[in-house]
Amino acid sequence: MQSSIDLYEFMLAHFGDYKVQGKKLMLHGNGLFGQFQDLQSKSITFRKTAIESKHKFDAGRQDALSQAGVTPADISAPPPKDK
């Protein structure tokens, strides 16, 4: 999450230094494009890692539930009662 925030803050700080032309991002200024690419790559890498971790967690949770003979419906919260 922090890497996405860093990328967003970078773009806000350099709002006057870029424009979108067609489908391309155009950055004006020394080193800005490299900085943008570094921040973007970091954000993409962390996102991929987070998604992979979530999938592993979900698979492990499902395996543990199956071994215990429990379904997700068995442990979900009951619907609220109408008053």
PDB file of N, CA and C in Angstrom:
ATOM      1  N   MET A   1       0.827  -1.184   0.000  1.00  0.00           N
ATOM      2  CA  MET A   1       0.000   0.000   0.000  1.00  0.00           C
ATOM      3  C   MET A   1       0.878   1.257   0.000  1.00  0.00           C
ATOM      4  N   GLN A   2       1.934   1.222   0.790  1.00  0.00           N
ATOM      5  CA  GLN A   2       2.792   2.398   0.886  1.00  0.00           C
ATOM      6  C   GLN A   2       3.459   2.714  -0.452  1.00  0.00           C
ATOM      7  N   SER A   3       3.833   1.683  -1.213  1.00  0.00           N
ATOM      8  CA  SER A   3       4.485   1.949  -2.499  1.00  0.00           C
ATOM      9  C   SER A   3       3.507   2.607  -3.479  1.00  0.00           C
ATOM     10  N   SER A   4       2.240   2.266  -3.404  1.00  0.00           N
ATOM     11  CA  SER A   4       1.234   2.922  -4.254  1.00  0.00           C
ATOM     12  C   SER A   4       1.054   4.376  -3.830  1.00  0.00           C
ATOM     13  N   ILE A   5       1.063   4.606  -2.533  1.00  0.00           N
ATOM     14  CA  ILE A   5       0.963   5.972  -2.014  1.00  0.00           C
ATOM     15  C   ILE A   5       2.165   6.790  -2.460  1.00  0.00           C
ATOM     16  N   ASP A   6       3.357   6.200  -2.389  1.00  0.00           N
ATOM     17  CA  ASP A   6       4.574   6.893  -2.824  1.00  0.00           C
ATOM     18  C   ASP A   6       4.484   7.292  -4.301  1.00  0.00           C
ATOM     19  N   LEU A   7       3.990   6.385  -5.133  1.00  0.00           N
ATOM     20  CA  LEU A   7       3.834   6.675  -6.563  1.00  0.00           C
ATOM     21  C   LEU A   7       2.824   7.802  -6.766  1.00  0.00           C
ATOM     22  N   TYR A   8       1.722   7.737  -6.069  1.00  0.00           N
ATOM     23  CA  TYR A   8       0.691   8.773  -6.163  1.00  0.00           C
ATOM     24  C   TYR A   8       1.239  10.132  -5.723  1.00  0.00           C
ATOM     25  N   GLU A   9       1.958  10.157  -4.606  1.00  0.00           N
ATOM     26  CA  GLU A   9       2.531  11.416  -4.115  1.00  0.00           C
ATOM     27  C   GLU A   9       3.573  11.971  -5.074  1.00  0.00           C
ATOM     28  N   PHE A  10       4.344  11.084  -5.694  1.00  0.00           N
ATOM     29  CA  PHE A  10       5.325  11.514  -6.690  1.00  0.00           C
ATOM     30  C   PHE A  10       4.617  12.208  -7.853  1.00  0.00           C
ATOM     31  N   MET A  11       3.532  11.604  -8.327  1.00  0.00           N
ATOM     32  CA  MET A  11       2.808  12.197  -9.448  1.00  0.00           C
ATOM     33  C   MET A  11       2.169  13.525  -9.052  1.00  0.00           C
ATOM     34  N   LEU A  12       1.672  13.626  -7.835  1.00  0.00           N
ATOM     35  CA  LEU A  12       1.114  14.903  -7.374  1.00  0.00           C
ATOM     36  C   LEU A  12       2.201  15.975  -7.278  1.00  0.00           C
ATOM     37  N   ALA A  13       3.365  15.588  -6.779  1.00  0.00           N
ATOM     38  CA  ALA A  13       4.467  16.538  -6.618  1.00  0.00           C
ATOM     39  C   ALA A  13       4.983  17.035  -7.976  1.00  0.00           C
ATOM     40  N   HIS A  14       4.798  16.233  -9.001  1.00  0.00           N
ATOM     41  CA  HIS A  14       5.292  16.589 -10.335  1.00  0.00           C
ATOM     42  C   HIS A  14       4.141  16.784 -11.326  1.00  0.00           C
ATOM     43  N   PHE A  15       3.023  17.261 -10.815  1.00  0.00           N
ATOM     44  CA  PHE A  15       1.822  17.422 -11.622  1.00  0.00           C
ATOM     45  C   PHE A  15       2.080  18.259 -12.879  1.00  0.00           C
ATOM     46  N   GLY A  16       2.856  19.293 -12.751  1.00  0.00           N
ATOM     47  CA  GLY A  16       3.144  20.170 -13.891  1.00  0.00           C
ATOM     48  C   GLY A  16       4.208  19.626 -14.828  1.00  0.00           C
ATOM     49  N   ASP A  17       4.815  18.509 -14.466  1.00  0.00           N
ATOM     50  CA  ASP A  17       5.926  17.965 -15.256  1.00  0.00           C
ATOM     51  C   ASP A  17       5.509  16.804 -16.159  1.00  0.00           C
ATOM     52  N   TYR A  18       4.230  16.467 -16.187  1.00  0.00           N
ATOM     53  CA  TYR A  18       3.808  15.357 -17.042  1.00  0.00           C
ATOM     54  C   TYR A  18       2.472  15.645 -17.700  1.00  0.00           C
ATOM     55  N   LYS A  19       2.236  14.898 -18.752  1.00  0.00           N
ATOM     56  CA  LYS A  19       0.936  14.928 -19.417  1.00  0.00           C
ATOM     57  C   LYS A  19       0.727  13.570 -20.065  1.00  0.00           C
ATOM     58  N   VAL A  20      -0.517  13.265 -20.318  1.00  0.00           N
ATOM     59  CA  VAL A  20      -0.858  12.030 -21.014  1.00  0.00           C
ATOM     60  C   VAL A  20      -1.198  12.427 -22.442  1.00  0.00           C
ATOM     61  N   GLN A  21      -0.470  11.863 -23.374  1.00  0.00           N
ATOM     62  CA  GLN A  21      -0.673  12.160 -24.787  1.00  0.00           C
ATOM     63  C   GLN A  21      -0.999  10.853 -25.490  1.00  0.00           C
ATOM     64  N   GLY A  22      -2.230  10.749 -25.986  1.00  0.00           N
ATOM     65  CA  GLY A  22      -2.671   9.477 -26.529  1.00  0.00           C
ATOM     66  C   GLY A  22      -2.766   8.493 -25.376  1.00  0.00           C
ATOM     67  N   LYS A  23      -2.027   7.408 -25.454  1.00  0.00           N
ATOM     68  CA  LYS A  23      -1.989   6.433 -24.362  1.00  0.00           C
ATOM     69  C   LYS A  23      -0.626   6.405 -23.706  1.00  0.00           C
ATOM     70  N   LYS A  24       0.141   7.478 -23.884  1.00  0.00           N
ATOM     71  CA  LYS A  24       1.499   7.523 -23.342  1.00  0.00           C
ATOM     72  C   LYS A  24       1.628   8.608 -22.278  1.00  0.00           C
ATOM     73  N   LEU A  25       2.395   8.278 -21.240  1.00  0.00           N
ATOM     74  CA  LEU A  25       2.711   9.231 -20.193  1.00  0.00           C
ATOM     75  C   LEU A  25       3.987   9.960 -20.596  1.00  0.00           C
ATOM     76  N   MET A  26       3.927  11.264 -20.660  1.00  0.00           N
ATOM     77  CA  MET A  26       5.074  12.078 -21.045  1.00  0.00           C
ATOM     78  C   MET A  26       5.545  12.865 -19.819  1.00  0.00           C
ATOM     79  N   LEU A  27       6.772  12.577 -19.363  1.00  0.00           N
ATOM     80  CA  LEU A  27       7.355  13.281 -18.220  1.00  0.00           C
ATOM     81  C   LEU A  27       8.454  14.207 -18.725  1.00  0.00           C
ATOM     82  N   HIS A  28       8.427  15.441 -18.244  1.00  0.00           N
ATOM     83  CA  HIS A  28       9.417  16.440 -18.628  1.00  0.00           C
ATOM     84  C   HIS A  28      10.267  16.772 -17.410  1.00  0.00           C
ATOM     85  N   GLY A  29      11.539  16.611 -17.555  1.00  0.00           N
ATOM     86  CA  GLY A  29      12.440  16.914 -16.448  1.00  0.00           C
ATOM     87  C   GLY A  29      13.486  15.824 -16.318  1.00  0.00           C
ATOM     88  N   ASN A  30      14.662  16.222 -15.858  1.00  0.00           N
ATOM     89  CA  ASN A  30      15.767  15.277 -15.716  1.00  0.00           C
ATOM     90  C   ASN A  30      15.478  14.206 -14.685  1.00  0.00           C
ATOM     91  N   GLY A  31      15.558  12.975 -15.123  1.00  0.00           N
ATOM     92  CA  GLY A  31      15.448  11.848 -14.213  1.00  0.00           C
ATOM     93  C   GLY A  31      14.049  11.508 -13.735  1.00  0.00           C
ATOM     94  N   LEU A  32      13.046  12.294 -14.119  1.00  0.00           N
ATOM     95  CA  LEU A  32      11.696  12.038 -13.622  1.00  0.00           C
ATOM     96  C   LEU A  32      11.144  10.711 -14.137  1.00  0.00           C
ATOM     97  N   PHE A  33      11.415  10.400 -15.410  1.00  0.00           N
ATOM     98  CA  PHE A  33      10.876   9.168 -15.958  1.00  0.00           C
ATOM     99  C   PHE A  33      11.492   7.960 -15.252  1.00  0.00           C
ATOM    100  N   GLY A  34      12.787   8.014 -14.976  1.00  0.00           N
ATOM    101  CA  GLY A  34      13.451   6.928 -14.247  1.00  0.00           C
ATOM    102  C   GLY A  34      12.893   6.771 -12.839  1.00  0.00           C
ATOM    103  N   GLN A  35      12.674   7.896 -12.166  1.00  0.00           N
ATOM    104  CA  GLN A  35      12.099   7.842 -10.818  1.00  0.00           C
ATOM    105  C   GLN A  35      10.698   7.246 -10.858  1.00  0.00           C
ATOM    106  N   PHE A  36       9.911   7.671 -11.855  1.00  0.00           N
ATOM    107  CA  PHE A  36       8.558   7.139 -12.004  1.00  0.00           C
ATOM    108  C   PHE A  36       8.612   5.631 -12.237  1.00  0.00           C
ATOM    109  N   GLN A  37       9.479   5.189 -13.132  1.00  0.00           N
ATOM    110  CA  GLN A  37       9.580   3.759 -13.428  1.00  0.00           C
ATOM    111  C   GLN A  37       9.987   2.958 -12.191  1.00  0.00           C
ATOM    112  N   ASP A  38      10.917   3.490 -11.412  1.00  0.00           N
ATOM    113  CA  ASP A  38      11.346   2.802 -10.187  1.00  0.00           C
ATOM    114  C   ASP A  38      10.179   2.658  -9.208  1.00  0.00           C
ATOM    115  N   LEU A  39       9.459   3.738  -8.988  1.00  0.00           N
ATOM    116  CA  LEU A  39       8.312   3.699  -8.067  1.00  0.00           C
ATOM    117  C   LEU A  39       7.211   2.782  -8.595  1.00  0.00           C
ATOM    118  N   GLN A  40       6.967   2.836  -9.894  1.00  0.00           N
ATOM    119  CA  GLN A  40       5.938   1.988 -10.489  1.00  0.00           C
ATOM    120  C   GLN A  40       6.327   0.512 -10.386  1.00  0.00           C
ATOM    121  N   SER A  41       7.583   0.192 -10.688  1.00  0.00           N
ATOM    122  CA  SER A  41       8.052  -1.199 -10.610  1.00  0.00           C
ATOM    123  C   SER A  41       7.936  -1.735  -9.191  1.00  0.00           C
ATOM    124  N   LYS A  42       8.316  -0.917  -8.226  1.00  0.00           N
ATOM    125  CA  LYS A  42       8.222  -1.314  -6.825  1.00  0.00           C
ATOM    126  C   LYS A  42       6.773  -1.591  -6.446  1.00  0.00           C
ATOM    127  N   SER A  43       5.869  -0.722  -6.867  1.00  0.00           N
ATOM    128  CA  SER A  43       4.455  -0.889  -6.564  1.00  0.00           C
ATOM    129  C   SER A  43       3.897  -2.163  -7.203  1.00  0.00           C
ATOM    130  N   ILE A  44       4.260  -2.411  -8.452  1.00  0.00           N
ATOM    131  CA  ILE A  44       3.786  -3.610  -9.153  1.00  0.00           C
ATOM    132  C   ILE A  44       4.316  -4.872  -8.479  1.00  0.00           C
ATOM    133  N   THR A  45       5.590  -4.857  -8.092  1.00  0.00           N
ATOM    134  CA  THR A  45       6.191  -6.017  -7.430  1.00  0.00           C
ATOM    135  C   THR A  45       5.493  -6.314  -6.108  1.00  0.00           C
ATOM    136  N   PHE A  46       5.259  -5.290  -5.294  1.00  0.00           N
ATOM    137  CA  PHE A  46       4.582  -5.497  -4.014  1.00  0.00           C
ATOM    138  C   PHE A  46       3.152  -5.979  -4.211  1.00  0.00           C
ATOM    139  N   ARG A  47       2.478  -5.477  -5.245  1.00  0.00           N
ATOM    140  CA  ARG A  47       1.110  -5.913  -5.534  1.00  0.00           C
ATOM    141  C   ARG A  47       1.101  -7.401  -5.884  1.00  0.00           C
ATOM    142  N   LYS A  48       2.018  -7.820  -6.738  1.00  0.00           N
ATOM    143  CA  LYS A  48       2.103  -9.231  -7.114  1.00  0.00           C
ATOM    144  C   LYS A  48       2.371 -10.098  -5.886  1.00  0.00           C
ATOM    145  N   THR A  49       3.273  -9.652  -5.031  1.00  0.00           N
ATOM    146  CA  THR A  49       3.604 -10.401  -3.815  1.00  0.00           C
ATOM    147  C   THR A  49       2.392 -10.507  -2.901  1.00  0.00           C
ATOM    148  N   ALA A  50       1.652  -9.414  -2.752  1.00  0.00           N
ATOM    149  CA  ALA A  50       0.461  -9.421  -1.896  1.00  0.00           C
ATOM    150  C   ALA A  50      -0.605 -10.368  -2.446  1.00  0.00           C
ATOM    151  N   ILE A  51      -0.810 -10.357  -3.751  1.00  0.00           N
ATOM    152  CA  ILE A  51      -1.807 -11.239  -4.361  1.00  0.00           C
ATOM    153  C   ILE A  51      -1.401 -12.698  -4.203  1.00  0.00           C
ATOM    154  N   GLU A  52      -0.129 -13.007  -4.442  1.00  0.00           N
ATOM    155  CA  GLU A  52       0.357 -14.381  -4.273  1.00  0.00           C
ATOM    156  C   GLU A  52       0.197 -14.838  -2.827  1.00  0.00           C
ATOM    157  N   SER A  53       0.514 -13.969  -1.889  1.00  0.00           N
ATOM    158  CA  SER A  53       0.378 -14.303  -0.473  1.00  0.00           C
ATOM    159  C   SER A  53      -1.078 -14.565  -0.104  1.00  0.00           C
ATOM    160  N   LYS A  54      -1.986 -13.750  -0.647  1.00  0.00           N
ATOM    161  CA  LYS A  54      -3.406 -13.954  -0.368  1.00  0.00           C
ATOM    162  C   LYS A  54      -3.876 -15.291  -0.927  1.00  0.00           C
ATOM    163  N   HIS A  55      -3.444 -15.624  -2.129  1.00  0.00           N
ATOM    164  CA  HIS A  55      -3.833 -16.912  -2.719  1.00  0.00           C
ATOM    165  C   HIS A  55      -3.314 -18.079  -1.880  1.00  0.00           C
ATOM    166  N   LYS A  56      -2.063 -17.981  -1.412  1.00  0.00           N
ATOM    167  CA  LYS A  56      -1.489 -19.029  -0.563  1.00  0.00           C
ATOM    168  C   LYS A  56      -2.263 -19.126   0.754  1.00  0.00           C
ATOM    169  N   PHE A  57      -2.605 -17.988   1.332  1.00  0.00           N
ATOM    170  CA  PHE A  57      -3.365 -17.969   2.574  1.00  0.00           C
ATOM    171  C   PHE A  57      -4.733 -18.618   2.370  1.00  0.00           C
ATOM    172  N   ASP A  58      -5.422 -18.213   1.290  1.00  0.00           N
ATOM    173  CA  ASP A  58      -6.750 -18.772   1.013  1.00  0.00           C
ATOM    174  C   ASP A  58      -6.682 -20.279   0.794  1.00  0.00           C
ATOM    175  N   ALA A  59      -5.663 -20.744   0.066  1.00  0.00           N
ATOM    176  CA  ALA A  59      -5.514 -22.180  -0.188  1.00  0.00           C
ATOM    177  C   ALA A  59      -5.233 -22.925   1.122  1.00  0.00           C
ATOM    178  N   GLY A  60      -4.374 -22.365   1.961  1.00  0.00           N
ATOM    179  CA  GLY A  60      -4.072 -22.986   3.257  1.00  0.00           C
ATOM    180  C   GLY A  60      -5.288 -23.022   4.159  1.00  0.00           C
ATOM    181  N   ARG A  61      -6.049 -21.958   4.143  1.00  0.00           N
ATOM    182  CA  ARG A  61      -7.277 -21.889   4.953  1.00  0.00           C
ATOM    183  C   ARG A  61      -8.280 -22.937   4.477  1.00  0.00           C
ATOM    184  N   GLN A  62      -8.448 -23.022   3.168  1.00  0.00           N
ATOM    185  CA  GLN A  62      -9.392 -23.998   2.611  1.00  0.00           C
ATOM    186  C   GLN A  62      -8.948 -25.421   2.944  1.00  0.00           C
ATOM    187  N   ASP A  63      -7.649 -25.685   2.864  1.00  0.00           N
ATOM    188  CA  ASP A  63      -7.120 -27.012   3.188  1.00  0.00           C
ATOM    189  C   ASP A  63      -7.380 -27.347   4.661  1.00  0.00           C
ATOM    190  N   ALA A  64      -7.127 -26.369   5.540  1.00  0.00           N
ATOM    191  CA  ALA A  64      -7.343 -26.594   6.972  1.00  0.00           C
ATOM    192  C   ALA A  64      -8.818 -26.843   7.269  1.00  0.00           C
ATOM    193  N   LEU A  65      -9.697 -26.086   6.617  1.00  0.00           N
ATOM    194  CA  LEU A  65     -11.127 -26.293   6.812  1.00  0.00           C
ATOM    195  C   LEU A  65     -11.558 -27.671   6.315  1.00  0.00           C
ATOM    196  N   SER A  66     -11.033 -28.063   5.161  1.00  0.00           N
ATOM    197  CA  SER A  66     -11.379 -29.376   4.605  1.00  0.00           C
ATOM    198  C   SER A  66     -10.921 -30.498   5.523  1.00  0.00           C
ATOM    199  N   GLN A  67      -9.718 -30.371   6.054  1.00  0.00           N
ATOM    200  CA  GLN A  67      -9.193 -31.399   6.956  1.00  0.00           C
ATOM    201  C   GLN A  67     -10.033 -31.486   8.233  1.00  0.00           C
ATOM    202  N   ALA A  68     -10.587 -30.365   8.633  1.00  0.00           N
ATOM    203  CA  ALA A  68     -11.411 -30.349   9.847  1.00  0.00           C
ATOM    204  C   ALA A  68     -12.860 -30.730   9.548  1.00  0.00           C
ATOM    205  N   GLY A  69     -13.181 -30.891   8.262  1.00  0.00           N
ATOM    206  CA  GLY A  69     -14.549 -31.227   7.889  1.00  0.00           C
ATOM    207  C   GLY A  69     -15.514 -30.075   8.035  1.00  0.00           C
ATOM    208  N   VAL A  70     -15.003 -28.873   7.882  1.00  0.00           N
ATOM    209  CA  VAL A  70     -15.806 -27.669   8.056  1.00  0.00           C
ATOM    210  C   VAL A  70     -15.872 -26.930   6.715  1.00  0.00           C
ATOM    211  N   THR A  71     -17.018 -26.351   6.414  1.00  0.00           N
ATOM    212  CA  THR A  71     -17.151 -25.530   5.211  1.00  0.00           C
ATOM    213  C   THR A  71     -17.155 -24.060   5.626  1.00  0.00           C
ATOM    214  N   PRO A  72     -16.850 -23.163   4.700  1.00  0.00           N
ATOM    215  CA  PRO A  72     -16.905 -21.730   5.038  1.00  0.00           C
ATOM    216  C   PRO A  72     -18.278 -21.304   5.547  1.00  0.00           C
ATOM    217  N   ALA A  73     -19.333 -21.939   5.041  1.00  0.00           N
ATOM    218  CA  ALA A  73     -20.687 -21.599   5.511  1.00  0.00           C
ATOM    219  C   ALA A  73     -20.876 -21.952   6.987  1.00  0.00           C
ATOM    220  N   ASP A  74     -20.141 -22.982   7.448  1.00  0.00           N
ATOM    221  CA  ASP A  74     -20.256 -23.389   8.856  1.00  0.00           C
ATOM    222  C   ASP A  74     -19.707 -22.334   9.811  1.00  0.00           C
ATOM    223  N   ILE A  75     -18.786 -21.532   9.342  1.00  0.00           N
ATOM    224  CA  ILE A  75     -18.153 -20.562  10.242  1.00  0.00           C
ATOM    225  C   ILE A  75     -18.536 -19.124   9.950  1.00  0.00           C
ATOM    226  N   SER A  76     -19.384 -18.908   8.938  1.00  0.00           N
ATOM    227  CA  SER A  76     -19.782 -17.535   8.636  1.00  0.00           C
ATOM    228  C   SER A  76     -20.761 -17.039   9.699  1.00  0.00           C
ATOM    229  N   ALA A  77     -20.820 -15.735   9.819  1.00  0.00           N
ATOM    230  CA  ALA A  77     -21.705 -15.118  10.822  1.00  0.00           C
ATOM    231  C   ALA A  77     -23.159 -15.300  10.411  1.00  0.00           C
ATOM    232  N   PRO A  78     -24.018 -15.546  11.379  1.00  0.00           N
ATOM    233  CA  PRO A  78     -25.437 -15.697  11.050  1.00  0.00           C
ATOM    234  C   PRO A  78     -26.020 -14.359  10.591  1.00  0.00           C
ATOM    235  N   PRO A  79     -27.046 -14.403   9.760  1.00  0.00           N
ATOM    236  CA  PRO A  79     -27.659 -13.135   9.312  1.00  0.00           C
ATOM    237  C   PRO A  79     -28.276 -12.399  10.494  1.00  0.00           C
ATOM    238  N   PRO A  80     -28.293 -11.079  10.451  1.00  0.00           N
ATOM    239  CA  PRO A  80     -28.879 -10.302  11.557  1.00  0.00           C
ATOM    240  C   PRO A  80     -30.383 -10.579  11.660  1.00  0.00           C
ATOM    241  N   LYS A  81     -30.868 -10.584  12.868  1.00  0.00           N
ATOM    242  CA  LYS A  81     -32.291 -10.822  13.104  1.00  0.00           C
ATOM    243  C   LYS A  81     -33.036  -9.498  12.969  1.00  0.00           C
ATOM    244  N   ASP A  82     -34.202  -9.564  12.338  1.00  0.00           N
ATOM    245  CA  ASP A  82     -35.050  -8.369  12.228  1.00  0.00           C
ATOM    246  C   ASP A  82     -35.693  -8.095  13.571  1.00  0.00           C
ATOM    247  N   LYS A  83     -35.769  -6.842  13.939  1.00  0.00           N
ATOM    248  CA  LYS A  83     -36.380  -6.469  15.221  1.00  0.00           C
ATOM    249  C   LYS A  83     -37.765  -5.964  15.014  1.00  0.00           C
TER     250      LYS A  83
END
